[in-house]
């Protein structure tokens, strides 16, 4: 069962909404290479508000993701794409339903 998760809210810099959407869509292959990331979603709520939600079996998997390629790429592009720093929230998973 997954025990740990991250919710990362992202606010796009005005005029960079499409670039942020493309960044998230393009991040999937990087996440696919992370065996400890059990679930990963890049989502859009409105024109400027995006988020990443991901889940892990344990704290080590979550820490590996936070120091992985997606996080590094996001931080390398943050000044260009984001209106403010990413809002990272750590969560404990109480229940899940994932494909077998």
N, C-alpha and C. Protein backbone atom coordinates (compact mmCIF):
# COMPACT_ATOMS: atom_id res chain seq x y z
N UNK A 1 0.83 -1.19 0.00
CA UNK A 1 0.00 0.00 0.00
C UNK A 1 0.87 1.25 0.00
N UNK A 2 0.42 2.23 -0.71
CA UNK A 2 1.13 3.50 -0.68
C UNK A 2 0.92 4.15 0.68
N UNK A 3 1.96 4.76 1.19
CA UNK A 3 1.89 5.37 2.51
C UNK A 3 2.19 6.87 2.49
N UNK A 4 2.86 7.34 1.45
CA UNK A 4 3.29 8.73 1.39
C UNK A 4 2.86 9.35 0.08
N UNK A 5 2.63 10.66 0.10
CA UNK A 5 2.25 11.36 -1.12
C UNK A 5 2.80 12.78 -1.08
N UNK A 6 2.75 13.40 -2.25
CA UNK A 6 3.08 14.81 -2.39
C UNK A 6 1.98 15.50 -3.18
N UNK A 7 1.67 16.70 -2.77
CA UNK A 7 0.79 17.57 -3.55
C UNK A 7 1.59 18.86 -3.75
N UNK A 8 1.85 19.19 -5.01
CA UNK A 8 2.66 20.36 -5.34
C UNK A 8 1.82 21.29 -6.20
N UNK A 9 1.42 22.42 -5.63
CA UNK A 9 0.63 23.39 -6.40
C UNK A 9 1.57 24.34 -7.13
N UNK A 10 1.24 24.58 -8.40
CA UNK A 10 2.05 25.41 -9.28
C UNK A 10 1.19 26.51 -9.87
N UNK A 11 1.64 27.75 -9.77
CA UNK A 11 0.97 28.89 -10.39
C UNK A 11 1.82 29.36 -11.57
N UNK A 12 1.24 29.30 -12.76
CA UNK A 12 1.98 29.69 -13.96
C UNK A 12 2.18 31.19 -14.00
N UNK A 13 3.34 31.59 -14.47
CA UNK A 13 3.61 33.00 -14.74
C UNK A 13 2.68 33.41 -15.89
N UNK A 14 2.09 34.59 -15.83
CA UNK A 14 1.22 35.03 -16.93
C UNK A 14 1.92 34.91 -18.28
N UNK A 15 1.23 34.30 -19.22
CA UNK A 15 1.78 34.08 -20.55
C UNK A 15 2.56 32.78 -20.68
N UNK A 16 2.79 32.07 -19.57
CA UNK A 16 3.57 30.82 -19.60
C UNK A 16 2.70 29.59 -19.31
N UNK A 17 1.38 29.75 -19.36
CA UNK A 17 0.48 28.65 -19.03
C UNK A 17 0.68 27.44 -19.94
N UNK A 18 0.77 27.69 -21.25
CA UNK A 18 0.94 26.57 -22.18
C UNK A 18 2.29 25.90 -22.01
N UNK A 19 3.31 26.67 -21.70
CA UNK A 19 4.64 26.10 -21.49
C UNK A 19 4.66 25.23 -20.23
N UNK A 20 3.97 25.66 -19.18
CA UNK A 20 3.91 24.85 -17.97
C UNK A 20 3.14 23.57 -18.23
N UNK A 21 2.04 23.66 -18.97
CA UNK A 21 1.27 22.47 -19.32
C UNK A 21 2.15 21.49 -20.12
N UNK A 22 2.91 22.00 -21.06
CA UNK A 22 3.79 21.16 -21.86
C UNK A 22 4.90 20.55 -21.00
N UNK A 23 5.42 21.33 -20.05
CA UNK A 23 6.44 20.81 -19.14
C UNK A 23 5.90 19.61 -18.38
N UNK A 24 4.70 19.73 -17.82
CA UNK A 24 4.12 18.63 -17.04
C UNK A 24 3.88 17.41 -17.92
N UNK A 25 3.33 17.61 -19.11
CA UNK A 25 3.09 16.49 -20.01
C UNK A 25 4.41 15.82 -20.39
N UNK A 26 5.45 16.61 -20.59
CA UNK A 26 6.74 16.07 -20.97
C UNK A 26 7.51 15.42 -19.83
N UNK A 27 7.06 15.62 -18.60
CA UNK A 27 7.75 15.04 -17.45
C UNK A 27 7.44 13.56 -17.25
N UNK A 28 6.40 13.06 -17.88
CA UNK A 28 5.99 11.67 -17.66
C UNK A 28 7.11 10.66 -17.89
N UNK A 29 7.87 10.75 -18.98
CA UNK A 29 8.96 9.77 -19.15
C UNK A 29 9.98 9.78 -18.02
N UNK A 30 10.23 10.94 -17.45
CA UNK A 30 11.15 11.01 -16.31
C UNK A 30 10.57 10.27 -15.11
N UNK A 31 9.28 10.43 -14.88
CA UNK A 31 8.62 9.75 -13.76
C UNK A 31 8.54 8.25 -14.02
N UNK A 32 8.32 7.87 -15.28
CA UNK A 32 8.27 6.44 -15.61
C UNK A 32 9.55 5.73 -15.21
N UNK A 33 10.65 6.44 -15.19
CA UNK A 33 11.95 5.85 -14.82
C UNK A 33 12.17 5.78 -13.31
N UNK A 34 11.20 6.23 -12.53
CA UNK A 34 11.32 6.20 -11.06
C UNK A 34 10.52 5.01 -10.51
N UNK A 35 11.19 3.91 -10.19
CA UNK A 35 10.45 2.73 -9.73
C UNK A 35 9.69 2.94 -8.42
N UNK A 36 10.10 3.86 -7.59
CA UNK A 36 9.42 4.06 -6.30
C UNK A 36 8.20 4.98 -6.40
N UNK A 37 7.99 5.61 -7.55
CA UNK A 37 6.81 6.46 -7.72
C UNK A 37 5.67 5.58 -8.21
N UNK A 38 4.71 5.32 -7.32
CA UNK A 38 3.60 4.40 -7.63
C UNK A 38 2.52 5.06 -8.48
N UNK A 39 2.27 6.33 -8.25
CA UNK A 39 1.25 7.06 -9.02
C UNK A 39 1.75 8.48 -9.19
N UNK A 40 1.47 9.06 -10.35
CA UNK A 40 1.90 10.43 -10.63
C UNK A 40 0.87 11.07 -11.54
N UNK A 41 0.46 12.27 -11.19
CA UNK A 41 -0.51 13.02 -11.99
C UNK A 41 -0.04 14.45 -12.13
N UNK A 42 -0.01 14.96 -13.33
CA UNK A 42 0.17 16.38 -13.60
C UNK A 42 -1.20 16.90 -14.01
N UNK A 43 -1.74 17.87 -13.29
CA UNK A 43 -3.12 18.31 -13.52
C UNK A 43 -3.20 19.83 -13.66
N UNK A 44 -4.32 20.25 -14.25
CA UNK A 44 -4.59 21.69 -14.40
C UNK A 44 -5.97 21.96 -13.83
N UNK A 45 -6.06 22.98 -12.97
CA UNK A 45 -7.33 23.35 -12.36
C UNK A 45 -8.01 24.51 -13.08
N UNK A 46 -7.23 25.47 -13.49
CA UNK A 46 -7.76 26.62 -14.23
C UNK A 46 -6.63 27.17 -15.09
N UNK A 47 -6.80 28.34 -15.66
CA UNK A 47 -5.82 28.87 -16.60
C UNK A 47 -4.42 28.94 -16.02
N UNK A 48 -4.27 29.34 -14.76
CA UNK A 48 -2.95 29.52 -14.17
C UNK A 48 -2.57 28.50 -13.10
N UNK A 49 -3.51 27.69 -12.62
CA UNK A 49 -3.26 26.80 -11.49
C UNK A 49 -3.09 25.36 -11.95
N UNK A 50 -1.93 24.81 -11.65
CA UNK A 50 -1.57 23.45 -11.99
C UNK A 50 -1.14 22.74 -10.71
N UNK A 51 -0.98 21.42 -10.78
CA UNK A 51 -0.48 20.69 -9.63
C UNK A 51 0.12 19.37 -10.07
N UNK A 52 0.95 18.86 -9.22
CA UNK A 52 1.47 17.50 -9.34
C UNK A 52 1.02 16.76 -8.09
N UNK A 53 0.46 15.57 -8.29
CA UNK A 53 0.14 14.70 -7.17
C UNK A 53 0.82 13.38 -7.44
N UNK A 54 1.55 12.87 -6.46
CA UNK A 54 2.19 11.59 -6.62
C UNK A 54 2.20 10.82 -5.31
N UNK A 55 2.35 9.50 -5.43
CA UNK A 55 2.26 8.63 -4.25
C UNK A 55 3.39 7.61 -4.27
N UNK A 56 3.77 7.19 -3.05
CA UNK A 56 4.94 6.33 -2.86
C UNK A 56 4.65 5.33 -1.74
N UNK A 57 5.36 4.21 -1.77
CA UNK A 57 5.19 3.21 -0.72
C UNK A 57 5.78 3.65 0.61
N UNK A 58 6.81 4.49 0.53
CA UNK A 58 7.50 4.87 1.77
C UNK A 58 8.19 6.22 1.61
N UNK A 59 8.74 6.67 2.71
CA UNK A 59 9.42 7.97 2.75
C UNK A 59 10.64 7.99 1.83
N UNK A 60 11.33 6.87 1.73
CA UNK A 60 12.52 6.81 0.88
C UNK A 60 12.14 7.07 -0.59
N UNK A 61 11.02 6.52 -1.03
CA UNK A 61 10.56 6.76 -2.40
C UNK A 61 10.20 8.21 -2.62
N UNK A 62 9.54 8.80 -1.64
CA UNK A 62 9.17 10.21 -1.75
C UNK A 62 10.42 11.09 -1.79
N UNK A 63 11.39 10.79 -0.93
CA UNK A 63 12.63 11.56 -0.93
C UNK A 63 13.39 11.41 -2.24
N UNK A 64 13.39 10.19 -2.80
CA UNK A 64 14.07 9.97 -4.08
C UNK A 64 13.42 10.80 -5.18
N UNK A 65 12.11 10.90 -5.16
CA UNK A 65 11.42 11.69 -6.16
C UNK A 65 11.75 13.18 -6.00
N UNK A 66 11.76 13.64 -4.78
CA UNK A 66 12.06 15.06 -4.52
C UNK A 66 13.48 15.44 -4.93
N UNK A 67 14.37 14.47 -4.98
CA UNK A 67 15.74 14.76 -5.41
C UNK A 67 16.00 14.23 -6.83
N UNK A 68 14.91 13.88 -7.53
CA UNK A 68 15.04 13.29 -8.86
C UNK A 68 15.02 14.30 -9.99
N UNK A 69 14.91 13.78 -11.20
CA UNK A 69 15.02 14.59 -12.41
C UNK A 69 13.85 15.54 -12.62
N UNK A 70 12.64 15.13 -12.25
CA UNK A 70 11.49 16.03 -12.44
C UNK A 70 11.64 17.25 -11.54
N UNK A 71 11.96 17.01 -10.27
CA UNK A 71 12.13 18.13 -9.34
C UNK A 71 13.26 19.05 -9.80
N UNK A 72 14.36 18.47 -10.26
CA UNK A 72 15.48 19.28 -10.73
C UNK A 72 15.09 20.11 -11.95
N UNK A 73 14.37 19.49 -12.89
CA UNK A 73 13.94 20.22 -14.08
C UNK A 73 12.95 21.32 -13.73
N UNK A 74 12.04 21.04 -12.80
CA UNK A 74 11.07 22.05 -12.38
C UNK A 74 11.78 23.24 -11.75
N UNK A 75 12.71 22.98 -10.87
CA UNK A 75 13.40 24.08 -10.21
C UNK A 75 14.29 24.85 -11.20
N UNK A 76 14.86 24.17 -12.18
CA UNK A 76 15.69 24.83 -13.18
C UNK A 76 14.86 25.77 -14.05
N UNK A 77 13.57 25.47 -14.20
CA UNK A 77 12.68 26.28 -15.05
C UNK A 77 11.70 27.13 -14.25
N UNK A 78 11.79 27.10 -12.95
CA UNK A 78 10.80 27.78 -12.10
C UNK A 78 10.75 29.28 -12.35
N UNK A 79 11.87 29.93 -12.46
CA UNK A 79 11.88 31.39 -12.64
C UNK A 79 11.18 31.79 -13.93
N UNK A 80 11.31 30.96 -14.96
CA UNK A 80 10.68 31.27 -16.25
C UNK A 80 9.20 30.91 -16.27
N UNK A 81 8.83 29.78 -15.66
CA UNK A 81 7.46 29.26 -15.80
C UNK A 81 6.51 29.63 -14.68
N UNK A 82 7.03 29.86 -13.48
CA UNK A 82 6.16 30.00 -12.30
C UNK A 82 6.08 31.43 -11.78
N UNK A 83 4.88 31.80 -11.35
CA UNK A 83 4.65 33.12 -10.77
C UNK A 83 5.12 33.19 -9.32
N UNK A 84 5.22 32.03 -8.68
CA UNK A 84 5.67 31.94 -7.28
C UNK A 84 6.31 30.58 -7.07
N UNK A 85 6.98 30.41 -5.97
CA UNK A 85 7.62 29.13 -5.66
C UNK A 85 6.57 28.03 -5.56
N UNK A 86 6.91 26.81 -5.98
CA UNK A 86 5.97 25.69 -5.84
C UNK A 86 5.58 25.50 -4.38
N UNK A 87 4.32 25.23 -4.15
CA UNK A 87 3.82 24.96 -2.80
C UNK A 87 3.80 23.45 -2.59
N UNK A 88 4.79 22.92 -1.89
CA UNK A 88 4.95 21.47 -1.72
C UNK A 88 4.35 21.05 -0.38
N UNK A 89 3.41 20.11 -0.46
CA UNK A 89 2.80 19.57 0.76
C UNK A 89 3.00 18.07 0.81
N UNK A 90 3.53 17.61 1.91
CA UNK A 90 3.70 16.17 2.15
C UNK A 90 2.43 15.65 2.80
N UNK A 91 2.01 14.46 2.37
CA UNK A 91 0.79 13.87 2.93
C UNK A 91 1.03 12.41 3.28
N UNK A 92 0.28 11.94 4.28
CA UNK A 92 0.23 10.52 4.60
C UNK A 92 -1.00 9.95 3.92
N UNK A 93 -0.83 8.85 3.21
CA UNK A 93 -1.95 8.21 2.52
C UNK A 93 -2.70 7.33 3.51
N UNK A 94 -3.99 7.55 3.62
CA UNK A 94 -4.83 6.77 4.53
C UNK A 94 -5.45 5.56 3.85
N UNK A 95 -5.70 5.67 2.55
CA UNK A 95 -6.26 4.56 1.77
C UNK A 95 -5.94 4.83 0.31
N UNK A 96 -5.89 3.77 -0.48
CA UNK A 96 -5.64 3.96 -1.92
C UNK A 96 -6.33 2.89 -2.73
N UNK A 97 -6.42 3.15 -4.02
CA UNK A 97 -6.88 2.18 -5.01
C UNK A 97 -6.06 2.41 -6.25
N UNK A 98 -5.15 1.51 -6.50
CA UNK A 98 -4.27 1.61 -7.66
C UNK A 98 -4.37 0.32 -8.47
N UNK A 99 -4.07 0.38 -9.76
CA UNK A 99 -4.07 -0.84 -10.56
C UNK A 99 -3.05 -1.84 -10.01
N UNK A 100 -3.33 -3.09 -10.16
CA UNK A 100 -2.42 -4.14 -9.66
C UNK A 100 -1.16 -4.24 -10.48
